[in-house]
Amino acid sequence: MIRDILKMGDPRLLRQARPVEDVRDPALRSIIADMYETMKAANGVGLAAPQIGIDLRLMIFGFNANPRYPDEKPVPSTTLINPWMELLTDETEDGWEGCLSVPGMRGLVPRATRIRYGGTQEDGSALEREASGFHARVFQHEYDHLDGILYPRRIVDLTRFGFIDALFPDSPLAALEED
């Protein structure tokens, strides 16, 4: 089932999500399935449970190709329950980010260039990975949602935050946002 995605301004997006207590709860599988369907319908590259109004530390991400980020390499499709993250470097890189909860906008956001992350997968097994580049950016963005942080709070220079059609007027991204 495609769920409604909460928009910036909704106070539920600002809460710290609760840990999932029972990873074998059948309701969790239904939520995860809905999250994938919702993410796909919105052409997203990631989605956190709080974005659909579910107060749990649960996130999904990954894509082979995505019209919102046409130049980015694929990121493996991943479901993480109660994820964790470790920064492997203090080095950051600025990159343009958008968000399904902040539609039509992009901002230049600094993120750590290398991370290690992990959590419990849908089947109950543990996952641990290292990531860099856009893969690391996507994880950090979704992980922020679990702590009630939307990417505009990470923007250092607010002159680098705005509507896609104003920032990138000749980009096909502007037309994509109108769909």
Protein backbone atom coordinates (compact mmCIF):
# COMPACT_ATOMS: atom_id res chain seq x y z
CA MET A 1 0.00 0.00 0.00
CA ILE A 2 1.32 3.44 -0.90
CA ARG A 3 1.40 5.60 2.22
CA ASP A 4 1.19 9.38 2.51
CA ILE A 5 4.59 10.97 3.03
CA LEU A 6 4.70 13.58 5.78
CA LYS A 7 5.93 17.02 4.74
CA MET A 8 8.35 19.37 6.47
CA GLY A 9 6.42 21.22 9.16
CA ASP A 10 4.69 18.11 10.48
CA PRO A 11 5.89 17.75 14.10
CA ARG A 12 6.07 13.95 13.77
CA LEU A 13 9.14 14.42 11.56
CA LEU A 14 10.98 16.13 14.42
CA ARG A 15 10.74 13.30 16.96
CA GLN A 16 13.43 10.78 17.76
CA ALA A 17 12.06 7.41 16.64
CA ARG A 18 11.66 4.50 19.06
CA PRO A 19 13.71 1.32 18.66
CA VAL A 20 11.94 -1.67 17.14
CA GLU A 21 11.47 -4.13 20.01
CA ASP A 22 10.38 -7.24 18.10
CA VAL A 23 12.05 -7.64 14.70
CA ARG A 24 9.90 -10.74 14.08
CA ASP A 25 6.59 -8.83 14.49
CA PRO A 26 4.51 -9.65 11.36
CA ALA A 27 3.26 -6.04 11.28
CA LEU A 28 6.85 -4.96 10.60
CA ARG A 29 6.92 -6.90 7.30
CA SER A 30 3.76 -5.11 6.19
CA ILE A 31 5.24 -1.71 7.09
CA ILE A 32 8.44 -2.52 5.19
CA ALA A 33 6.49 -3.64 2.11
CA ASP A 34 4.47 -0.41 2.23
CA MET A 35 7.67 1.62 2.57
CA TYR A 36 9.18 0.05 -0.56
CA GLU A 37 5.97 0.60 -2.51
CA THR A 38 5.78 4.21 -1.31
CA MET A 39 9.44 4.91 -2.09
CA LYS A 40 9.11 3.43 -5.57
CA ALA A 41 5.92 5.40 -6.34
CA ALA A 42 7.68 8.63 -5.32
CA ASN A 43 10.92 7.85 -7.23
CA GLY A 44 12.82 8.00 -3.96
CA VAL A 45 16.22 6.57 -3.12
CA GLY A 46 15.40 6.08 0.57
CA LEU A 47 12.61 6.32 3.10
CA ALA A 48 12.53 6.27 6.89
CA ALA A 49 9.50 5.05 8.84
CA PRO A 50 8.92 8.47 10.49
CA GLN A 51 8.30 9.91 7.00
CA ILE A 52 5.12 7.82 6.79
CA GLY A 53 4.13 8.61 10.37
CA ILE A 54 5.54 5.45 11.96
CA ASP A 55 7.62 6.19 15.04
CA LEU A 56 10.15 3.36 14.65
CA ARG A 57 13.89 3.15 13.91
CA LEU A 58 13.37 1.58 10.52
CA MET A 59 14.72 2.68 7.16
CA ILE A 60 15.02 1.49 3.59
CA PHE A 61 17.17 2.73 0.74
CA GLY A 62 18.71 1.71 -2.54
CA PHE A 63 18.25 1.90 -6.31
CA ASN A 64 19.70 0.73 -9.60
CA ALA A 65 18.91 3.97 -11.43
CA ASN A 66 16.89 6.96 -10.26
CA PRO A 67 15.53 9.96 -12.20
CA ARG A 68 16.06 12.27 -9.21
CA TYR A 69 19.78 11.40 -9.10
CA PRO A 70 20.53 10.34 -12.71
CA ASP A 71 24.32 10.63 -12.42
CA GLU A 72 24.71 8.54 -9.26
CA LYS A 73 25.93 4.96 -9.12
CA PRO A 74 23.53 2.28 -7.84
CA VAL A 75 23.15 1.74 -4.10
CA PRO A 76 22.18 -1.76 -2.91
CA SER A 77 18.58 -2.18 -1.83
CA THR A 78 18.72 -2.30 1.96
CA THR A 79 16.27 -2.61 4.85
CA LEU A 80 17.64 -1.74 8.28
CA ILE A 81 15.93 -2.10 11.63
CA ASN A 82 17.51 -0.24 14.56
CA PRO A 83 20.43 0.97 12.41
CA TRP A 84 23.68 2.37 13.76
CA MET A 85 26.42 4.44 12.17
CA GLU A 86 30.10 5.14 12.74
CA LEU A 87 32.00 7.93 10.95
CA LEU A 88 35.27 6.64 9.50
CA THR A 89 36.64 10.09 8.70
CA ASP A 90 36.21 13.72 9.66
CA GLU A 91 36.37 14.59 5.96
CA THR A 92 33.10 15.92 4.55
CA GLU A 93 31.88 16.62 1.05
CA ASP A 94 29.11 18.96 -0.05
CA GLY A 95 26.38 17.42 -2.19
CA TRP A 96 22.93 18.40 -3.40
CA GLU A 97 20.17 16.63 -1.50
CA GLY A 98 16.44 16.47 -1.86
CA CYS A 99 13.85 14.74 0.28
CA LEU A 100 10.41 13.26 -0.26
CA SER A 101 9.33 15.21 2.86
CA VAL A 102 10.68 18.48 1.38
CA PRO A 103 9.28 18.22 -2.18
CA GLY A 104 10.50 20.42 -4.98
CA MET A 105 13.57 21.65 -3.13
CA ARG A 106 17.29 20.89 -2.98
CA GLY A 107 20.05 22.01 -0.67
CA LEU A 108 23.82 21.71 -0.57
CA VAL A 109 24.60 19.53 2.46
CA PRO A 110 27.97 18.51 3.93
CA ARG A 111 28.18 14.81 4.82
CA ALA A 112 30.95 12.49 5.99
CA THR A 113 32.67 10.88 3.01
CA ARG A 114 33.20 7.45 4.61
CA ILE A 115 31.06 5.63 7.14
CA ARG A 116 30.43 2.19 8.59
CA TYR A 117 26.82 1.30 9.26
CA GLY A 118 24.72 -1.62 10.21
CA GLY A 119 21.60 -2.92 11.83
CA THR A 120 19.18 -5.81 11.64
CA GLN A 121 17.80 -6.89 8.30
CA GLU A 122 14.21 -7.90 7.66
CA ASP A 123 15.09 -11.59 8.04
CA GLY A 124 16.59 -10.94 11.49
CA SER A 125 20.23 -11.23 10.41
CA ALA A 126 22.81 -8.57 11.17
CA LEU A 127 24.26 -6.37 8.43
CA GLU A 128 27.42 -4.30 8.58
CA ARG A 129 28.84 -2.31 5.65
CA GLU A 130 31.27 0.45 4.83
CA ALA A 131 30.12 3.10 2.41
CA SER A 132 31.44 6.19 0.71
CA GLY A 133 30.19 8.73 -1.80
CA PHE A 134 26.48 8.89 -2.58
CA HIS A 135 25.84 5.58 -0.81
CA ALA A 136 27.16 7.11 2.43
CA ARG A 137 25.14 10.29 1.80
CA VAL A 138 21.88 8.37 1.33
CA PHE A 139 22.41 6.38 4.52
CA GLN A 140 23.23 9.50 6.57
CA HIS A 141 20.17 11.32 5.19
CA GLU A 142 17.80 8.49 6.14
CA TYR A 143 19.51 7.95 9.49
CA ASP A 144 18.94 11.64 10.29
CA HIS A 145 15.19 11.09 9.86
CA LEU A 146 15.30 8.59 12.73
CA ASP A 147 16.66 11.36 14.97
CA GLY A 148 14.11 13.94 13.82
CA ILE A 149 16.53 15.84 11.56
CA LEU A 150 15.56 17.03 8.08
CA TYR A 151 18.38 17.93 5.69
CA PRO A 152 17.71 21.71 5.68
CA ARG A 153 19.04 21.76 9.26
CA ARG A 154 22.39 20.50 7.90
CA ILE A 155 22.76 23.22 5.24
CA VAL A 156 25.62 25.58 6.06
CA ASP A 157 24.92 28.26 3.42
CA LEU A 158 21.20 28.92 2.97
CA THR A 159 21.87 30.65 -0.36
CA ARG A 160 22.45 27.05 -1.56
CA PHE A 161 18.90 25.95 -0.66
CA GLY A 162 15.86 26.52 -2.82
CA PHE A 163 13.32 25.25 -5.27
CA ILE A 164 14.67 22.93 -7.94
CA ASP A 165 13.15 24.95 -10.79
CA ALA A 166 14.88 28.11 -9.50
CA LEU A 167 18.24 26.49 -8.69
CA PHE A 168 18.37 24.33 -11.84
CA PRO A 169 15.95 25.95 -14.33
CA ASP A 170 17.09 23.91 -17.35
CA SER A 171 17.18 20.60 -15.50
CA PRO A 172 14.69 17.78 -16.18
CA LEU A 173 14.46 17.50 -12.37
CA ALA A 174 12.11 20.50 -12.29
CA ALA A 175 9.62 18.71 -14.55
CA LEU A 176 9.94 15.55 -12.48
CA GLU A 177 8.87 17.42 -9.34
CA GLU A 178 5.71 18.65 -11.09
CA ASP A 179 4.48 15.07 -11.72
